[in-house]
Amino acid sequence: MSVKINPLDDRIVAQQLEAQTKTASGLFLPDSAQEKPKVAKVVAIGKNVKGVKVGDQIIYKEYSATEVKVDGDKYLIVKEEDVLATVN
């Protein structure tokens, strides 16, 4: 997948992972009850990003990401300092 966004400096471009639509017991959740996950997959990194690489899944601060839409695809732009952890 080719991303048309080139992040600068210490910025990370990621795509948010899908919210859970079903509970563990099999009940379907309406959109209003779904919690937006704070986990995203990294698709591009700036030249000064050290601790994250493309393909990693990251957990980021809730209100720190900037949401953008490019050619119908939604992306998040996050500063590296706002990344809390990577998911294995």
N, C-alpha and C. Protein backbone atom coordinates (compact mmCIF):
# COMPACT_ATOMS: atom_id res chain seq x y z
N MET A 1 0.84 -1.17 0.00
CA MET A 1 0.00 0.00 0.00
C MET A 1 0.89 1.24 0.00
N SER A 2 0.67 2.11 -0.93
CA SER A 2 1.44 3.33 -1.04
C SER A 2 0.69 4.49 -0.38
N VAL A 3 1.34 5.14 0.56
CA VAL A 3 0.74 6.25 1.29
C VAL A 3 1.16 7.55 0.62
N LYS A 4 0.22 8.45 0.40
CA LYS A 4 0.52 9.71 -0.26
C LYS A 4 0.86 10.82 0.73
N ILE A 5 1.08 10.46 1.99
CA ILE A 5 1.44 11.42 3.02
C ILE A 5 2.87 11.14 3.46
N ASN A 6 3.70 12.16 3.43
CA ASN A 6 5.08 12.04 3.90
C ASN A 6 5.22 12.83 5.19
N PRO A 7 5.28 12.15 6.34
CA PRO A 7 5.38 12.86 7.61
C PRO A 7 6.74 13.54 7.77
N LEU A 8 6.73 14.67 8.43
CA LEU A 8 7.96 15.42 8.68
C LEU A 8 8.50 15.11 10.07
N ASP A 9 9.79 15.30 10.23
CA ASP A 9 10.47 15.28 11.51
C ASP A 9 10.14 14.05 12.35
N ASP A 10 9.43 14.24 13.47
CA ASP A 10 9.15 13.14 14.41
C ASP A 10 7.69 12.69 14.34
N ARG A 11 7.05 12.87 13.19
CA ARG A 11 5.64 12.51 13.03
C ARG A 11 5.49 11.09 12.47
N ILE A 12 4.37 10.48 12.83
CA ILE A 12 4.04 9.11 12.40
C ILE A 12 2.67 9.15 11.75
N VAL A 13 2.54 8.51 10.59
CA VAL A 13 1.25 8.37 9.93
C VAL A 13 0.78 6.94 10.17
N ALA A 14 -0.45 6.80 10.65
CA ALA A 14 -0.98 5.47 10.99
C ALA A 14 -2.44 5.39 10.59
N GLN A 15 -2.94 4.16 10.49
CA GLN A 15 -4.37 3.94 10.25
C GLN A 15 -4.94 3.24 11.46
N GLN A 16 -6.04 3.82 11.96
CA GLN A 16 -6.68 3.31 13.16
C GLN A 16 -7.27 1.93 12.89
N LEU A 17 -7.13 1.04 13.85
CA LEU A 17 -7.69 -0.30 13.72
C LEU A 17 -9.19 -0.25 13.98
N GLU A 18 -9.91 -1.21 13.45
CA GLU A 18 -11.37 -1.25 13.56
C GLU A 18 -11.82 -1.48 15.00
N ALA A 19 -12.93 -0.85 15.36
CA ALA A 19 -13.52 -1.04 16.69
C ALA A 19 -14.19 -2.41 16.76
N GLN A 20 -14.28 -2.95 17.96
CA GLN A 20 -14.98 -4.21 18.18
C GLN A 20 -16.47 -4.01 17.92
N THR A 21 -17.07 -4.87 17.11
CA THR A 21 -18.49 -4.76 16.82
C THR A 21 -19.31 -5.80 17.57
N LYS A 22 -18.60 -6.69 18.27
CA LYS A 22 -19.28 -7.77 18.98
C LYS A 22 -18.62 -8.00 20.32
N THR A 23 -19.42 -8.28 21.35
CA THR A 23 -18.87 -8.57 22.67
C THR A 23 -18.35 -10.00 22.70
N ALA A 24 -17.66 -10.35 23.77
CA ALA A 24 -17.12 -11.70 23.92
C ALA A 24 -18.23 -12.75 23.95
N SER A 25 -19.41 -12.35 24.43
CA SER A 25 -20.52 -13.31 24.50
C SER A 25 -21.33 -13.36 23.19
N GLY A 26 -20.95 -12.55 22.18
CA GLY A 26 -21.60 -12.63 20.88
C GLY A 26 -22.64 -11.56 20.61
N LEU A 27 -22.83 -10.61 21.53
CA LEU A 27 -23.79 -9.54 21.30
C LEU A 27 -23.19 -8.48 20.39
N PHE A 28 -23.99 -8.00 19.43
CA PHE A 28 -23.53 -6.95 18.53
C PHE A 28 -23.69 -5.58 19.19
N LEU A 29 -22.68 -4.73 19.03
CA LEU A 29 -22.70 -3.40 19.62
C LEU A 29 -23.10 -2.36 18.57
N PRO A 30 -24.03 -1.44 18.90
CA PRO A 30 -24.34 -0.36 17.97
C PRO A 30 -23.16 0.61 17.91
N ASP A 31 -23.09 1.42 16.84
CA ASP A 31 -21.98 2.36 16.67
C ASP A 31 -21.79 3.27 17.86
N SER A 32 -22.88 3.70 18.48
CA SER A 32 -22.79 4.63 19.61
C SER A 32 -22.16 3.98 20.83
N ALA A 33 -22.20 2.67 20.94
CA ALA A 33 -21.65 1.98 22.11
C ALA A 33 -20.23 1.48 21.89
N GLN A 34 -19.73 1.57 20.65
CA GLN A 34 -18.40 1.08 20.37
C GLN A 34 -17.35 2.10 20.82
N GLU A 35 -16.38 1.61 21.55
CA GLU A 35 -15.29 2.48 21.98
C GLU A 35 -14.26 2.54 20.87
N LYS A 36 -13.84 3.75 20.51
CA LYS A 36 -12.83 3.91 19.48
C LYS A 36 -11.50 3.41 20.02
N PRO A 37 -10.87 2.47 19.34
CA PRO A 37 -9.60 1.97 19.85
C PRO A 37 -8.51 3.03 19.71
N LYS A 38 -7.57 3.00 20.59
CA LYS A 38 -6.45 3.92 20.55
C LYS A 38 -5.22 3.18 20.03
N VAL A 39 -5.49 2.20 19.16
CA VAL A 39 -4.43 1.40 18.56
C VAL A 39 -4.48 1.62 17.06
N ALA A 40 -3.31 1.82 16.46
CA ALA A 40 -3.24 2.07 15.03
C ALA A 40 -2.03 1.37 14.44
N LYS A 41 -2.08 1.12 13.13
CA LYS A 41 -0.97 0.49 12.42
C LYS A 41 -0.17 1.57 11.71
N VAL A 42 1.13 1.59 11.91
CA VAL A 42 2.01 2.60 11.32
C VAL A 42 2.19 2.32 9.83
N VAL A 43 1.95 3.36 9.00
CA VAL A 43 2.11 3.20 7.55
C VAL A 43 3.23 4.08 6.99
N ALA A 44 3.67 5.09 7.75
CA ALA A 44 4.80 5.93 7.33
C ALA A 44 5.37 6.64 8.55
N ILE A 45 6.69 6.91 8.49
CA ILE A 45 7.33 7.62 9.61
C ILE A 45 8.20 8.75 9.07
N GLY A 46 8.39 9.77 9.91
CA GLY A 46 9.28 10.88 9.58
C GLY A 46 10.73 10.48 9.77
N LYS A 47 11.63 11.30 9.26
CA LYS A 47 13.06 10.94 9.28
C LYS A 47 13.68 10.90 10.66
N ASN A 48 13.07 11.56 11.65
CA ASN A 48 13.64 11.58 13.00
C ASN A 48 12.95 10.65 13.98
N VAL A 49 12.12 9.75 13.50
CA VAL A 49 11.45 8.78 14.37
C VAL A 49 12.42 7.64 14.65
N LYS A 50 12.63 7.34 15.93
CA LYS A 50 13.62 6.33 16.31
C LYS A 50 13.01 5.02 16.82
N GLY A 51 11.94 5.08 17.60
CA GLY A 51 11.46 3.90 18.30
C GLY A 51 10.33 3.14 17.64
N VAL A 52 9.90 3.57 16.46
CA VAL A 52 8.77 2.94 15.79
C VAL A 52 9.14 2.72 14.33
N LYS A 53 8.67 1.61 13.76
CA LYS A 53 8.92 1.37 12.33
C LYS A 53 7.61 1.08 11.61
N VAL A 54 7.62 1.19 10.31
CA VAL A 54 6.43 0.92 9.49
C VAL A 54 5.99 -0.52 9.73
N GLY A 55 4.70 -0.71 9.93
CA GLY A 55 4.15 -2.03 10.21
C GLY A 55 3.85 -2.28 11.67
N ASP A 56 4.46 -1.50 12.57
CA ASP A 56 4.19 -1.64 14.00
C ASP A 56 2.76 -1.23 14.32
N GLN A 57 2.22 -1.80 15.38
CA GLN A 57 0.96 -1.33 15.93
C GLN A 57 1.30 -0.50 17.16
N ILE A 58 0.70 0.69 17.24
CA ILE A 58 1.03 1.60 18.34
C ILE A 58 -0.21 1.92 19.16
N ILE A 59 0.01 2.23 20.43
CA ILE A 59 -1.02 2.78 21.31
C ILE A 59 -0.64 4.25 21.50
N TYR A 60 -1.59 5.15 21.24
CA TYR A 60 -1.28 6.58 21.28
C TYR A 60 -2.22 7.30 22.23
N LYS A 61 -1.82 8.52 22.64
CA LYS A 61 -2.65 9.33 23.52
C LYS A 61 -3.95 9.69 22.80
N GLU A 62 -5.05 9.65 23.54
CA GLU A 62 -6.38 9.79 22.96
C GLU A 62 -6.60 11.06 22.15
N TYR A 63 -6.21 12.21 22.65
CA TYR A 63 -6.52 13.47 21.97
C TYR A 63 -5.31 14.08 21.27
N SER A 64 -4.29 13.30 21.02
CA SER A 64 -3.07 13.84 20.44
C SER A 64 -2.98 13.68 18.93
N ALA A 65 -3.81 12.83 18.35
CA ALA A 65 -3.71 12.54 16.92
C ALA A 65 -4.53 13.52 16.09
N THR A 66 -4.02 13.84 14.92
CA THR A 66 -4.73 14.65 13.94
C THR A 66 -5.28 13.69 12.89
N GLU A 67 -6.59 13.74 12.67
CA GLU A 67 -7.22 12.85 11.69
C GLU A 67 -7.29 13.57 10.35
N VAL A 68 -6.88 12.88 9.28
CA VAL A 68 -6.95 13.42 7.92
C VAL A 68 -7.52 12.35 6.99
N LYS A 69 -8.10 12.80 5.89
CA LYS A 69 -8.64 11.89 4.90
C LYS A 69 -7.99 12.22 3.56
N VAL A 70 -7.35 11.23 2.95
CA VAL A 70 -6.68 11.41 1.67
C VAL A 70 -7.19 10.33 0.71
N ASP A 71 -7.76 10.75 -0.39
CA ASP A 71 -8.29 9.83 -1.41
C ASP A 71 -9.23 8.78 -0.80
N GLY A 72 -10.05 9.19 0.15
CA GLY A 72 -11.04 8.30 0.75
C GLY A 72 -10.52 7.45 1.89
N ASP A 73 -9.22 7.48 2.15
CA ASP A 73 -8.64 6.70 3.25
C ASP A 73 -8.40 7.63 4.44
N LYS A 74 -8.71 7.13 5.65
CA LYS A 74 -8.51 7.91 6.87
C LYS A 74 -7.15 7.56 7.48
N TYR A 75 -6.44 8.61 7.89
CA TYR A 75 -5.13 8.45 8.51
C TYR A 75 -5.08 9.27 9.79
N LEU A 76 -4.15 8.90 10.66
CA LEU A 76 -3.85 9.65 11.87
C LEU A 76 -2.41 10.13 11.75
N ILE A 77 -2.17 11.36 12.19
CA ILE A 77 -0.80 11.86 12.27
C ILE A 77 -0.52 12.11 13.75
N VAL A 78 0.51 11.44 14.26
CA VAL A 78 0.83 11.48 15.69
C VAL A 78 2.30 11.82 15.86
N LYS A 79 2.62 12.66 16.84
CA LYS A 79 4.02 12.91 17.18
C LYS A 79 4.57 11.68 17.90
N GLU A 80 5.84 11.39 17.70
CA GLU A 80 6.44 10.22 18.34
C GLU A 80 6.32 10.28 19.86
N GLU A 81 6.40 11.46 20.46
CA GLU A 81 6.31 11.58 21.91
C GLU A 81 4.92 11.23 22.44
N ASP A 82 3.89 11.22 21.56
CA ASP A 82 2.54 10.87 21.97
C ASP A 82 2.24 9.38 21.81
N VAL A 83 3.21 8.61 21.35
CA VAL A 83 3.06 7.16 21.28
C VAL A 83 3.43 6.60 22.63
N LEU A 84 2.50 5.85 23.22
CA LEU A 84 2.70 5.31 24.56
C LEU A 84 3.40 3.96 24.56
N ALA A 85 3.09 3.13 23.51
CA ALA A 85 3.66 1.78 23.47
C ALA A 85 3.46 1.18 22.08
N THR A 86 4.19 0.10 21.82
CA THR A 86 3.93 -0.70 20.62
C THR A 86 3.29 -2.01 21.08
N VAL A 87 2.52 -2.61 20.19
CA VAL A 87 1.83 -3.86 20.50
C VAL A 87 2.54 -4.98 19.75
N ASN A 88 2.86 -6.05 20.45
CA ASN A 88 3.54 -7.20 19.81
C ASN A 88 2.56 -8.10 19.14
